[in-house]
Amino acid sequence: MNEKYLVGLIGPETLEVAESDSLHPVHLDLKACTAVEIRYDFFDESAWKDLSKRVRNVAPGKLQIGTIRLKRDGGTFPDAREIERPDLWAEILAGSEVPEWLDLERDCLHNYETLDKLATSRKVRILVSEHNFARIPSDAELEQFAKDVKRFKAPGLKIAAMSNSTDDCSRLYKFIRKNAKKFQLFSAFGMGDTGKTSRLWSLKEGANLTYGAIGRAHAPGQIDIYTMGLIMDQWDSFQSEDDIFAFLAKFQ
């Protein structure tokens, strides 16, 4: 859990401009990332099989997380087509290059064994994610989430939940301290304005995975990847969440 992964989201616009212009500023963002999330749901399905290879060409050496995010969880893939995803995962995993991780929503854990069987054949691991756009779950709800993920023996856990007050994220930090070391990848942060600093401070609490924006933000309170990279480059100088807040205020 020593390495901290800063994940930048890859959609069609980012990938196409990176491929077409080697001097475009997007390459600075890709350099700032230590990992990338390929948002398959943003791309035409005909392109899915080759996406991992294309992304490796513009972002070599970056850990890849592949995601087909359903609409109900903040993505664009139709909820009614959830039943089709095993076949689509199989197509992705048949590519010459594949992500190191695939993201599966918690409310789709009934698909875990199917996905795990497909993923294991390509040495791909699974990150189980939950998105709550209303509130940060209670301590008991968070602990149940961790138990659910461990029950399936998934090696990765992510929760992003809407923060509604300045002290809301304290529950997430408690959750991180108790559970982060049980997983290979672990992410827990707040969304929204009052959750913004938690995207970074969560790493201080013991998480090793966080997400930033390349170009426009795709989630409430998301910070641009370049600014997050600047903070992580000066990591030891930030001793409190207030320090991060003050730094971010310079860019607003």
Protein backbone atom coordinates (compact mmCIF):
# COMPACT_ATOMS: atom_id res chain seq x y z
CA MET A 1 0.00 0.00 0.00
CA ASN A 2 3.04 2.31 -0.21
CA GLU A 3 2.44 3.50 -3.77
CA LYS A 4 -0.32 6.06 -4.22
CA TYR A 5 -2.26 5.92 -7.48
CA LEU A 6 -3.57 9.13 -9.01
CA VAL A 7 -6.14 8.12 -11.63
CA GLY A 8 -7.07 10.22 -14.64
CA LEU A 9 -10.22 9.42 -16.60
CA ILE A 10 -9.80 8.58 -20.30
CA GLY A 11 -12.72 9.36 -22.60
CA PRO A 12 -12.89 9.76 -26.40
CA GLU A 13 -11.90 13.44 -26.49
CA THR A 14 -8.83 12.90 -24.30
CA LEU A 15 -7.66 9.85 -26.20
CA GLU A 16 -8.19 11.31 -29.67
CA VAL A 17 -6.36 14.56 -28.94
CA ALA A 18 -3.50 12.68 -27.26
CA GLU A 19 -3.16 10.43 -30.31
CA SER A 20 -3.32 13.26 -32.83
CA ASP A 21 -1.14 15.92 -31.18
CA SER A 22 2.04 14.92 -29.33
CA LEU A 23 2.49 18.51 -28.10
CA HIS A 24 -1.04 18.98 -26.72
CA PRO A 25 -1.21 19.96 -23.00
CA VAL A 26 -3.22 16.78 -22.30
CA HIS A 27 0.10 14.96 -22.27
CA LEU A 28 1.07 16.94 -19.16
CA ASP A 29 -2.05 15.57 -17.47
CA LEU A 30 -1.26 12.04 -18.59
CA LYS A 31 2.26 12.43 -17.25
CA ALA A 32 0.87 13.60 -13.88
CA CYS A 33 -1.23 10.43 -13.59
CA THR A 34 0.13 7.22 -12.13
CA ALA A 35 -2.96 5.33 -13.31
CA VAL A 36 -5.77 5.81 -15.83
CA GLU A 37 -9.41 4.79 -15.88
CA ILE A 38 -10.65 3.76 -19.31
CA ARG A 39 -14.32 4.71 -19.35
CA TYR A 40 -15.58 2.19 -21.85
CA ASP A 41 -19.13 3.50 -21.47
CA PHE A 42 -18.02 6.80 -23.06
CA PHE A 43 -16.78 5.08 -26.24
CA ASP A 44 -18.56 3.41 -29.12
CA GLU A 45 -18.62 -0.33 -28.42
CA SER A 46 -16.89 -1.09 -31.72
CA ALA A 47 -13.73 0.50 -30.26
CA TRP A 48 -13.66 -1.35 -26.92
CA LYS A 49 -11.43 -4.28 -27.85
CA ASP A 50 -8.50 -2.04 -28.85
CA LEU A 51 -8.86 0.70 -26.22
CA SER A 52 -6.34 -0.69 -23.73
CA LYS A 53 -3.67 -0.88 -26.43
CA ARG A 54 -4.44 2.65 -27.67
CA VAL A 55 -4.28 4.05 -24.15
CA ARG A 56 -0.94 2.32 -23.49
CA ASN A 57 0.46 4.03 -26.56
CA VAL A 58 -0.33 7.51 -25.21
CA ALA A 59 0.12 6.69 -21.49
CA PRO A 60 2.81 4.00 -21.30
CA GLY A 61 3.59 2.46 -17.94
CA LYS A 62 0.35 3.64 -16.29
CA LEU A 63 -1.82 1.23 -14.33
CA GLN A 64 -5.13 0.78 -16.18
CA ILE A 65 -8.58 0.40 -14.63
CA GLY A 66 -11.35 -0.51 -17.08
CA THR A 67 -14.90 0.63 -16.31
CA ILE A 68 -18.31 0.15 -17.94
CA ARG A 69 -20.26 2.44 -15.60
CA LEU A 70 -24.04 2.07 -15.48
CA LYS A 71 -26.25 5.17 -15.57
CA ARG A 72 -27.54 4.53 -12.04
CA ASP A 73 -23.95 4.67 -10.79
CA GLY A 74 -23.02 7.88 -12.59
CA GLY A 75 -22.08 6.47 -16.00
CA THR A 76 -23.68 6.38 -19.43
CA PHE A 77 -24.21 2.65 -20.04
CA PRO A 78 -27.95 1.87 -19.99
CA ASP A 79 -29.08 0.11 -16.81
CA ALA A 80 -31.38 -2.12 -18.86
CA ARG A 81 -28.33 -3.51 -20.68
CA GLU A 82 -26.56 -4.66 -17.51
CA ILE A 83 -27.21 -8.28 -18.50
CA GLU A 84 -25.08 -7.75 -21.63
CA ARG A 85 -21.92 -6.75 -19.79
CA PRO A 86 -20.40 -10.25 -19.31
CA ASP A 87 -20.19 -10.61 -23.10
CA LEU A 88 -18.70 -7.13 -23.37
CA TRP A 89 -16.14 -7.87 -20.66
CA ALA A 90 -15.20 -11.01 -22.56
CA GLU A 91 -14.63 -8.91 -25.67
CA ILE A 92 -12.45 -6.44 -23.76
CA LEU A 93 -10.44 -9.29 -22.25
CA ALA A 94 -9.90 -10.81 -25.70
CA GLY A 95 -7.87 -7.78 -26.76
CA SER A 96 -4.12 -7.89 -27.35
CA GLU A 97 -3.75 -5.51 -24.38
CA VAL A 98 -6.04 -5.47 -21.33
CA PRO A 99 -6.38 -3.29 -18.21
CA GLU A 100 -4.78 -4.59 -15.02
CA TRP A 101 -8.08 -3.99 -13.19
CA LEU A 102 -11.79 -3.99 -14.03
CA ASP A 103 -14.33 -2.02 -12.00
CA LEU A 104 -17.58 -3.72 -10.90
CA GLU A 105 -20.33 -1.85 -9.06
CA ARG A 106 -21.34 -3.21 -5.67
CA ASP A 107 -24.96 -3.56 -6.76
CA CYS A 108 -23.74 -5.93 -9.49
CA LEU A 109 -21.91 -8.35 -7.21
CA HIS A 110 -24.16 -11.08 -8.59
CA ASN A 111 -21.90 -10.80 -11.67
CA TYR A 112 -18.69 -11.13 -9.65
CA GLU A 113 -17.98 -14.83 -10.20
CA THR A 114 -18.60 -14.54 -13.95
CA LEU A 115 -16.31 -11.52 -14.26
CA ASP A 116 -13.67 -13.01 -11.97
CA LYS A 117 -13.48 -16.16 -14.08
CA LEU A 118 -13.02 -14.10 -17.24
CA ALA A 119 -10.53 -11.74 -15.59
CA THR A 120 -8.39 -14.45 -14.00
CA SER A 121 -7.59 -15.91 -17.41
CA ARG A 122 -5.83 -12.62 -18.28
CA LYS A 123 -4.42 -11.98 -14.79
CA VAL A 124 -6.81 -9.06 -14.34
CA ARG A 125 -8.09 -8.11 -10.89
CA ILE A 126 -11.43 -6.66 -9.80
CA LEU A 127 -12.15 -3.39 -8.00
CA VAL A 128 -15.63 -3.29 -6.43
CA SER A 129 -17.04 0.23 -6.34
CA GLU A 130 -19.97 2.02 -4.76
CA HIS A 131 -21.26 5.51 -5.59
CA ASN A 132 -23.69 7.28 -3.30
CA PHE A 133 -24.82 10.62 -4.74
CA ALA A 134 -26.98 11.49 -1.71
CA ARG A 135 -24.84 11.05 1.41
CA ILE A 136 -21.90 9.38 3.10
CA PRO A 137 -23.03 6.02 4.53
CA SER A 138 -23.05 5.33 8.26
CA ASP A 139 -20.20 3.47 9.96
CA ALA A 140 -22.28 0.29 9.96
CA GLU A 141 -23.10 0.62 6.25
CA LEU A 142 -19.44 1.17 5.38
CA GLU A 143 -18.39 -1.87 7.37
CA GLN A 144 -21.03 -3.97 5.62
CA PHE A 145 -19.63 -2.85 2.28
CA ALA A 146 -16.15 -4.00 3.27
CA LYS A 147 -17.57 -7.35 4.44
CA ASP A 148 -19.42 -7.80 1.15
CA VAL A 149 -16.27 -7.17 -0.87
CA LYS A 150 -14.14 -9.48 1.30
CA ARG A 151 -16.81 -12.20 1.09
CA PHE A 152 -16.23 -12.33 -2.65
CA LYS A 153 -12.45 -12.11 -2.10
CA ALA A 154 -12.18 -9.09 -4.35
CA PRO A 155 -8.76 -7.39 -4.03
CA GLY A 156 -9.98 -3.82 -4.59
CA LEU A 157 -12.57 -1.50 -2.99
CA LYS A 158 -13.71 2.00 -3.93
CA ILE A 159 -16.40 4.21 -2.41
CA ALA A 160 -17.26 7.73 -3.55
CA ALA A 161 -20.06 9.35 -1.55
CA MET A 162 -21.62 12.80 -1.44
CA SER A 163 -20.38 14.99 1.41
CA ASN A 164 -22.96 17.38 2.84
CA SER A 165 -20.94 19.05 5.61
CA THR A 166 -17.33 19.87 6.45
CA ASP A 167 -16.94 17.00 8.94
CA ASP A 168 -18.83 14.43 6.85
CA CYS A 169 -15.71 12.70 5.58
CA SER A 170 -14.51 11.77 9.06
CA ARG A 171 -16.51 8.53 8.73
CA LEU A 172 -14.66 7.72 5.53
CA TYR A 173 -11.29 8.34 7.19
CA LYS A 174 -12.22 6.02 10.05
CA PHE A 175 -13.26 3.43 7.47
CA ILE A 176 -9.93 3.81 5.64
CA ARG A 177 -7.85 3.39 8.80
CA LYS A 178 -9.71 0.21 9.70
CA ASN A 179 -9.89 -1.46 6.29
CA ALA A 180 -7.39 -0.11 3.74
CA LYS A 181 -4.65 -2.62 4.49
CA LYS A 182 -7.02 -5.50 3.72
CA PHE A 183 -7.05 -4.63 0.00
CA GLN A 184 -4.53 -4.17 -2.80
CA LEU A 185 -6.36 -1.08 -4.08
CA PHE A 186 -8.48 1.03 -1.73
CA SER A 187 -10.24 4.32 -2.38
CA ALA A 188 -12.70 6.21 -0.15
CA PHE A 189 -13.48 9.89 -0.60
CA GLY A 190 -16.28 12.43 -0.55
CA MET A 191 -17.89 14.10 -3.54
CA GLY A 192 -19.15 17.67 -3.71
CA ASP A 193 -17.57 20.90 -2.48
CA THR A 194 -17.12 19.78 1.14
CA GLY A 195 -15.65 16.48 -0.03
CA LYS A 196 -13.12 17.98 -2.42
CA THR A 197 -10.09 17.89 -0.12
CA SER A 198 -10.87 14.30 0.89
CA ARG A 199 -9.84 13.22 -2.61
CA LEU A 200 -6.30 13.94 -1.44
CA TRP A 201 -6.45 13.69 2.35
CA SER A 202 -7.84 10.16 2.07
CA LEU A 203 -4.37 9.15 0.87
CA LYS A 204 -2.86 10.55 4.07
CA GLU A 205 -5.32 8.41 6.04
CA GLY A 206 -4.16 5.22 4.29
CA ALA A 207 -6.02 4.88 0.98
CA ASN A 208 -3.83 4.32 -2.08
CA LEU A 209 -6.17 5.26 -4.91
CA THR A 210 -7.81 8.55 -5.87
CA TYR A 211 -9.31 10.11 -8.97
CA GLY A 212 -8.87 13.43 -10.77
CA ALA A 213 -10.14 15.13 -13.92
CA ILE A 214 -8.43 15.33 -17.28
CA GLY A 215 -10.25 18.19 -18.96
CA ARG A 216 -13.77 18.74 -17.63
CA ALA A 217 -14.82 17.17 -14.33
CA HIS A 218 -17.07 14.10 -14.52
CA ALA A 219 -18.04 13.97 -10.83
CA PRO A 220 -19.06 16.60 -8.24
CA GLY A 221 -16.03 18.19 -6.60
CA GLN A 222 -13.49 16.51 -8.88
CA ILE A 223 -10.12 18.30 -9.03
CA ASP A 224 -8.04 18.59 -12.17
CA ILE A 225 -5.30 16.00 -12.37
CA TYR A 226 -2.47 18.50 -12.86
CA THR A 227 -3.27 20.33 -9.60
CA MET A 228 -3.55 17.03 -7.74
CA GLY A 229 -0.16 16.04 -9.14
CA LEU A 230 1.36 19.29 -7.85
CA ILE A 231 0.09 18.54 -4.36
CA MET A 232 1.36 14.96 -4.43
CA ASP A 233 4.77 16.20 -5.59
CA GLN A 234 4.91 18.28 -2.37
CA TRP A 235 3.21 15.63 -0.26
CA ASP A 236 5.30 16.00 2.90
CA SER A 237 4.52 19.72 3.18
CA PHE A 238 0.80 19.09 3.72
CA GLN A 239 0.20 18.32 7.38
CA SER A 240 -3.55 18.84 7.56
CA GLU A 241 -6.65 18.90 5.39
CA ASP A 242 -6.71 22.67 5.87
CA ASP A 243 -3.31 22.89 4.18
CA ILE A 244 -4.75 21.17 1.11
CA PHE A 245 -7.81 23.43 1.18
CA ALA A 246 -5.58 26.54 1.26
CA PHE A 247 -3.52 25.26 -1.66
CA LEU A 248 -6.60 24.50 -3.76
CA ALA A 249 -8.02 27.95 -2.98
CA LYS A 250 -5.13 29.50 -4.94
CA PHE A 251 -6.45 27.92 -8.12
CA GLN A 252 -10.12 28.87 -7.75
